[in-house]
Amino acid sequence: MAATALGVVVLYPLLVAVVRQFHLLSSTWLVLAAVVVWLSAWMVLELAWEWRERHQQTG
């Protein structure tokens, strides 16, 4: 969760610049971008955890 918050804070100016082109859907695009960042971070952490667990069992 902290990684997501940090990602949104760091990427917020870039997100706003990109989303302003869509005027009416700006808030929707911001929420969608935050969800995508969150899910991406979750997936990367999940894969890293699985890889770590698999290598600890064999080692």
PDB file of N, CA and C in Angstrom:
ATOM      1  N   MET A   1       0.823  -1.188   0.000  1.00  0.00           N
ATOM      2  CA  MET A   1       0.000   0.000   0.000  1.00  0.00           C
ATOM      3  C   MET A   1       0.873   1.260   0.000  1.00  0.00           C
ATOM      4  N   ALA A   2       1.956   1.216   0.757  1.00  0.00           N
ATOM      5  CA  ALA A   2       2.853   2.368   0.798  1.00  0.00           C
ATOM      6  C   ALA A   2       3.502   2.586  -0.562  1.00  0.00           C
ATOM      7  N   ALA A   3       3.841   1.494  -1.241  1.00  0.00           N
ATOM      8  CA  ALA A   3       4.444   1.609  -2.578  1.00  0.00           C
ATOM      9  C   ALA A   3       3.464   2.245  -3.548  1.00  0.00           C
ATOM     10  N   THR A   4       2.206   1.899  -3.441  1.00  0.00           N
ATOM     11  CA  THR A   4       1.189   2.494  -4.302  1.00  0.00           C
ATOM     12  C   THR A   4       1.061   3.984  -4.030  1.00  0.00           C
ATOM     13  N   ALA A   5       0.993   4.336  -2.768  1.00  0.00           N
ATOM     14  CA  ALA A   5       0.880   5.756  -2.406  1.00  0.00           C
ATOM     15  C   ALA A   5       2.095   6.527  -2.913  1.00  0.00           C
ATOM     16  N   LEU A   6       3.266   5.955  -2.737  1.00  0.00           N
ATOM     17  CA  LEU A   6       4.485   6.608  -3.212  1.00  0.00           C
ATOM     18  C   LEU A   6       4.464   6.729  -4.739  1.00  0.00           C
ATOM     19  N   GLY A   7       4.029   5.668  -5.415  1.00  0.00           N
ATOM     20  CA  GLY A   7       3.940   5.708  -6.877  1.00  0.00           C
ATOM     21  C   GLY A   7       2.979   6.770  -7.364  1.00  0.00           C
ATOM     22  N   VAL A   8       1.844   6.894  -6.710  1.00  0.00           N
ATOM     23  CA  VAL A   8       0.860   7.903  -7.112  1.00  0.00           C
ATOM     24  C   VAL A   8       1.404   9.302  -6.842  1.00  0.00           C
ATOM     25  N   VAL A   9       2.043   9.498  -5.697  1.00  0.00           N
ATOM     26  CA  VAL A   9       2.599  10.813  -5.370  1.00  0.00           C
ATOM     27  C   VAL A   9       3.696  11.202  -6.359  1.00  0.00           C
ATOM     28  N   VAL A  10       4.553  10.259  -6.691  1.00  0.00           N
ATOM     29  CA  VAL A  10       5.658  10.552  -7.606  1.00  0.00           C
ATOM     30  C   VAL A  10       5.146  10.774  -9.023  1.00  0.00           C
ATOM     31  N   LEU A  11       4.177   9.979  -9.440  1.00  0.00           N
ATOM     32  CA  LEU A  11       3.687  10.053 -10.821  1.00  0.00           C
ATOM     33  C   LEU A  11       2.516  11.013 -11.014  1.00  0.00           C
ATOM     34  N   TYR A  12       2.011  11.603  -9.937  1.00  0.00           N
ATOM     35  CA  TYR A  12       0.822  12.449 -10.040  1.00  0.00           C
ATOM     36  C   TYR A  12       0.955  13.588 -11.048  1.00  0.00           C
ATOM     37  N   PRO A  13       2.035  14.355 -11.045  1.00  0.00           N
ATOM     38  CA  PRO A  13       2.132  15.442 -12.044  1.00  0.00           C
ATOM     39  C   PRO A  13       2.083  14.914 -13.481  1.00  0.00           C
ATOM     40  N   LEU A  14       2.736  13.800 -13.726  1.00  0.00           N
ATOM     41  CA  LEU A  14       2.704  13.199 -15.063  1.00  0.00           C
ATOM     42  C   LEU A  14       1.289  12.727 -15.402  1.00  0.00           C
ATOM     43  N   LEU A  15       0.624  12.100 -14.441  1.00  0.00           N
ATOM     44  CA  LEU A  15      -0.747  11.633 -14.669  1.00  0.00           C
ATOM     45  C   LEU A  15      -1.681  12.792 -14.979  1.00  0.00           C
ATOM     46  N   VAL A  16      -1.568  13.866 -14.236  1.00  0.00           N
ATOM     47  CA  VAL A  16      -2.429  15.031 -14.451  1.00  0.00           C
ATOM     48  C   VAL A  16      -2.179  15.622 -15.835  1.00  0.00           C
ATOM     49  N   ALA A  17      -0.920  15.715 -16.235  1.00  0.00           N
ATOM     50  CA  ALA A  17      -0.593  16.269 -17.558  1.00  0.00           C
ATOM     51  C   ALA A  17      -1.196  15.426 -18.676  1.00  0.00           C
ATOM     52  N   VAL A  18      -1.136  14.118 -18.528  1.00  0.00           N
ATOM     53  CA  VAL A  18      -1.675  13.225 -19.559  1.00  0.00           C
ATOM     54  C   VAL A  18      -3.202  13.244 -19.554  1.00  0.00           C
ATOM     55  N   VAL A  19      -3.785  13.242 -18.360  1.00  0.00           N
ATOM     56  CA  VAL A  19      -5.239  13.119 -18.220  1.00  0.00           C
ATOM     57  C   VAL A  19      -5.973  14.402 -18.613  1.00  0.00           C
ATOM     58  N   ARG A  20      -5.345  15.539 -18.515  1.00  0.00           N
ATOM     59  CA  ARG A  20      -6.018  16.812 -18.848  1.00  0.00           C
ATOM     60  C   ARG A  20      -6.533  16.842 -20.276  1.00  0.00           C
ATOM     61  N   GLN A  21      -5.984  16.022 -21.137  1.00  0.00           N
ATOM     62  CA  GLN A  21      -6.438  15.970 -22.526  1.00  0.00           C
ATOM     63  C   GLN A  21      -7.874  15.453 -22.625  1.00  0.00           C
ATOM     64  N   PHE A  22      -8.336  14.705 -21.629  1.00  0.00           N
ATOM     65  CA  PHE A  22      -9.648  14.073 -21.677  1.00  0.00           C
ATOM     66  C   PHE A  22     -10.733  14.850 -20.942  1.00  0.00           C
ATOM     67  N   HIS A  23     -10.458  16.016 -20.477  1.00  0.00           N
ATOM     68  CA  HIS A  23     -11.341  16.951 -19.774  1.00  0.00           C
ATOM     69  C   HIS A  23     -12.420  16.302 -18.902  1.00  0.00           C
ATOM     70  N   LEU A  24     -13.471  15.757 -19.480  1.00  0.00           N
ATOM     71  CA  LEU A  24     -14.600  15.270 -18.695  1.00  0.00           C
ATOM     72  C   LEU A  24     -14.288  14.001 -17.914  1.00  0.00           C
ATOM     73  N   LEU A  25     -13.348  13.214 -18.392  1.00  0.00           N
ATOM     74  CA  LEU A  25     -13.065  11.939 -17.751  1.00  0.00           C
ATOM     75  C   LEU A  25     -11.792  11.973 -16.907  1.00  0.00           C
ATOM     76  N   SER A  26     -11.346  13.155 -16.558  1.00  0.00           N
ATOM     77  CA  SER A  26     -10.080  13.284 -15.844  1.00  0.00           C
ATOM     78  C   SER A  26     -10.041  12.483 -14.550  1.00  0.00           C
ATOM     79  N   SER A  27     -11.056  12.623 -13.710  1.00  0.00           N
ATOM     80  CA  SER A  27     -11.036  11.910 -12.433  1.00  0.00           C
ATOM     81  C   SER A  27     -11.112  10.405 -12.640  1.00  0.00           C
ATOM     82  N   THR A  28     -11.862   9.975 -13.633  1.00  0.00           N
ATOM     83  CA  THR A  28     -11.955   8.546 -13.929  1.00  0.00           C
ATOM     84  C   THR A  28     -10.593   8.006 -14.345  1.00  0.00           C
ATOM     85  N   TRP A  29      -9.893   8.742 -15.193  1.00  0.00           N
ATOM     86  CA  TRP A  29      -8.570   8.292 -15.642  1.00  0.00           C
ATOM     87  C   TRP A  29      -7.570   8.290 -14.491  1.00  0.00           C
ATOM     88  N   LEU A  30      -7.652   9.255 -13.592  1.00  0.00           N
ATOM     89  CA  LEU A  30      -6.745   9.277 -12.442  1.00  0.00           C
ATOM     90  C   LEU A  30      -6.972   8.068 -11.535  1.00  0.00           C
ATOM     91  N   VAL A  31      -8.227   7.752 -11.274  1.00  0.00           N
ATOM     92  CA  VAL A  31      -8.548   6.592 -10.444  1.00  0.00           C
ATOM     93  C   VAL A  31      -8.089   5.315 -11.141  1.00  0.00           C
ATOM     94  N   LEU A  32      -8.342   5.211 -12.428  1.00  0.00           N
ATOM     95  CA  LEU A  32      -7.915   4.035 -13.188  1.00  0.00           C
ATOM     96  C   LEU A  32      -6.395   3.893 -13.146  1.00  0.00           C
ATOM     97  N   ALA A  33      -5.680   4.984 -13.307  1.00  0.00           N
ATOM     98  CA  ALA A  33      -4.215   4.939 -13.264  1.00  0.00           C
ATOM     99  C   ALA A  33      -3.731   4.501 -11.880  1.00  0.00           C
ATOM    100  N   ALA A  34      -4.353   4.998 -10.826  1.00  0.00           N
ATOM    101  CA  ALA A  34      -3.968   4.603  -9.466  1.00  0.00           C
ATOM    102  C   ALA A  34      -4.208   3.112  -9.250  1.00  0.00           C
ATOM    103  N   VAL A  35      -5.329   2.611  -9.743  1.00  0.00           N
ATOM    104  CA  VAL A  35      -5.637   1.185  -9.612  1.00  0.00           C
ATOM    105  C   VAL A  35      -4.631   0.345 -10.398  1.00  0.00           C
ATOM    106  N   VAL A  36      -4.279   0.790 -11.582  1.00  0.00           N
ATOM    107  CA  VAL A  36      -3.298   0.054 -12.391  1.00  0.00           C
ATOM    108  C   VAL A  36      -1.939   0.022 -11.693  1.00  0.00           C
ATOM    109  N   VAL A  37      -1.519   1.146 -11.117  1.00  0.00           N
ATOM    110  CA  VAL A  37      -0.256   1.182 -10.387  1.00  0.00           C
ATOM    111  C   VAL A  37      -0.319   0.233  -9.195  1.00  0.00           C
ATOM    112  N   TRP A  38      -1.419   0.250  -8.476  1.00  0.00           N
ATOM    113  CA  TRP A  38      -1.586  -0.620  -7.310  1.00  0.00           C
ATOM    114  C   TRP A  38      -1.546  -2.086  -7.703  1.00  0.00           C
ATOM    115  N   LEU A  39      -2.293  -2.461  -8.741  1.00  0.00           N
ATOM    116  CA  LEU A  39      -2.316  -3.856  -9.173  1.00  0.00           C
ATOM    117  C   LEU A  39      -0.960  -4.300  -9.720  1.00  0.00           C
ATOM    118  N   SER A  40      -0.285  -3.419 -10.419  1.00  0.00           N
ATOM    119  CA  SER A  40       1.046  -3.751 -10.937  1.00  0.00           C
ATOM    120  C   SER A  40       2.021  -3.994  -9.796  1.00  0.00           C
ATOM    121  N   ALA A  41       2.008  -3.122  -8.805  1.00  0.00           N
ATOM    122  CA  ALA A  41       2.891  -3.293  -7.650  1.00  0.00           C
ATOM    123  C   ALA A  41       2.569  -4.590  -6.922  1.00  0.00           C
ATOM    124  N   TRP A  42       1.291  -4.882  -6.762  1.00  0.00           N
ATOM    125  CA  TRP A  42       0.870  -6.102  -6.088  1.00  0.00           C
ATOM    126  C   TRP A  42       1.364  -7.329  -6.856  1.00  0.00           C
ATOM    127  N   MET A  43       1.215  -7.320  -8.172  1.00  0.00           N
ATOM    128  CA  MET A  43       1.630  -8.446  -8.995  1.00  0.00           C
ATOM    129  C   MET A  43       3.147  -8.658  -8.912  1.00  0.00           C
ATOM    130  N   VAL A  44       3.905  -7.574  -8.978  1.00  0.00           N
ATOM    131  CA  VAL A  44       5.366  -7.690  -8.895  1.00  0.00           C
ATOM    132  C   VAL A  44       5.779  -8.247  -7.532  1.00  0.00           C
ATOM    133  N   LEU A  45       5.179  -7.740  -6.469  1.00  0.00           N
ATOM    134  CA  LEU A  45       5.507  -8.242  -5.137  1.00  0.00           C
ATOM    135  C   LEU A  45       5.099  -9.699  -4.967  1.00  0.00           C
ATOM    136  N   GLU A  46       3.960 -10.079  -5.516  1.00  0.00           N
ATOM    137  CA  GLU A  46       3.499 -11.464  -5.439  1.00  0.00           C
ATOM    138  C   GLU A  46       4.453 -12.399  -6.172  1.00  0.00           C
ATOM    139  N   LEU A  47       4.879 -12.004  -7.363  1.00  0.00           N
ATOM    140  CA  LEU A  47       5.819 -12.823  -8.126  1.00  0.00           C
ATOM    141  C   LEU A  47       7.170 -12.920  -7.419  1.00  0.00           C
ATOM    142  N   ALA A  48       7.632 -11.823  -6.853  1.00  0.00           N
ATOM    143  CA  ALA A  48       8.902 -11.843  -6.128  1.00  0.00           C
ATOM    144  C   ALA A  48       8.813 -12.751  -4.901  1.00  0.00           C
ATOM    145  N   TRP A  49       7.697 -12.703  -4.206  1.00  0.00           N
ATOM    146  CA  TRP A  49       7.503 -13.543  -3.023  1.00  0.00           C
ATOM    147  C   TRP A  49       7.486 -15.014  -3.413  1.00  0.00           C
ATOM    148  N   GLU A  50       6.767 -15.344  -4.479  1.00  0.00           N
ATOM    149  CA  GLU A  50       6.710 -16.731  -4.954  1.00  0.00           C
ATOM    150  C   GLU A  50       8.098 -17.229  -5.360  1.00  0.00           C
ATOM    151  N   TRP A  51       8.843 -16.393  -6.072  1.00  0.00           N
ATOM    152  CA  TRP A  51      10.186 -16.762  -6.495  1.00  0.00           C
ATOM    153  C   TRP A  51      11.076 -17.004  -5.275  1.00  0.00           C
ATOM    154  N   ARG A  52      10.969 -16.138  -4.297  1.00  0.00           N
ATOM    155  CA  ARG A  52      11.764 -16.267  -3.070  1.00  0.00           C
ATOM    156  C   ARG A  52      11.428 -17.554  -2.332  1.00  0.00           C
ATOM    157  N   GLU A  53      10.148 -17.833  -2.197  1.00  0.00           N
ATOM    158  CA  GLU A  53       9.715 -19.048  -1.510  1.00  0.00           C
ATOM    159  C   GLU A  53      10.209 -20.302  -2.230  1.00  0.00           C
ATOM    160  N   ARG A  54      10.119 -20.295  -3.538  1.00  0.00           N
ATOM    161  CA  ARG A  54      10.537 -21.454  -4.333  1.00  0.00           C
ATOM    162  C   ARG A  54      12.038 -21.696  -4.178  1.00  0.00           C
ATOM    163  N   HIS A  55      12.838 -20.627  -4.162  1.00  0.00           N
ATOM    164  CA  HIS A  55      14.281 -20.771  -4.053  1.00  0.00           C
ATOM    165  C   HIS A  55      14.741 -21.068  -2.640  1.00  0.00           C
ATOM    166  N   GLN A  56      13.974 -20.709  -1.637  1.00  0.00           N
ATOM    167  CA  GLN A  56      14.331 -21.035  -0.266  1.00  0.00           C
ATOM    168  C   GLN A  56      14.091 -22.519   0.004  1.00  0.00           C
ATOM    169  N   GLN A  57      13.077 -23.093  -0.611  1.00  0.00           N
ATOM    170  CA  GLN A  57      12.769 -24.505  -0.399  1.00  0.00           C
ATOM    171  C   GLN A  57      13.835 -25.401  -1.015  1.00  0.00           C
ATOM    172  N   THR A  58      14.377 -24.995  -2.153  1.00  0.00           N
ATOM    173  CA  THR A  58      15.377 -25.828  -2.835  1.00  0.00           C
ATOM    174  C   THR A  58      16.781 -25.621  -2.260  1.00  0.00           C
ATOM    175  N   GLY A  59      16.987 -24.495  -1.582  1.00  0.00           N
ATOM    176  CA  GLY A  59      18.327 -24.157  -1.095  1.00  0.00           C
ATOM    177  C   GLY A  59      18.591 -24.584   0.267  1.00  0.00           C
TER     178      GLY A  59
END
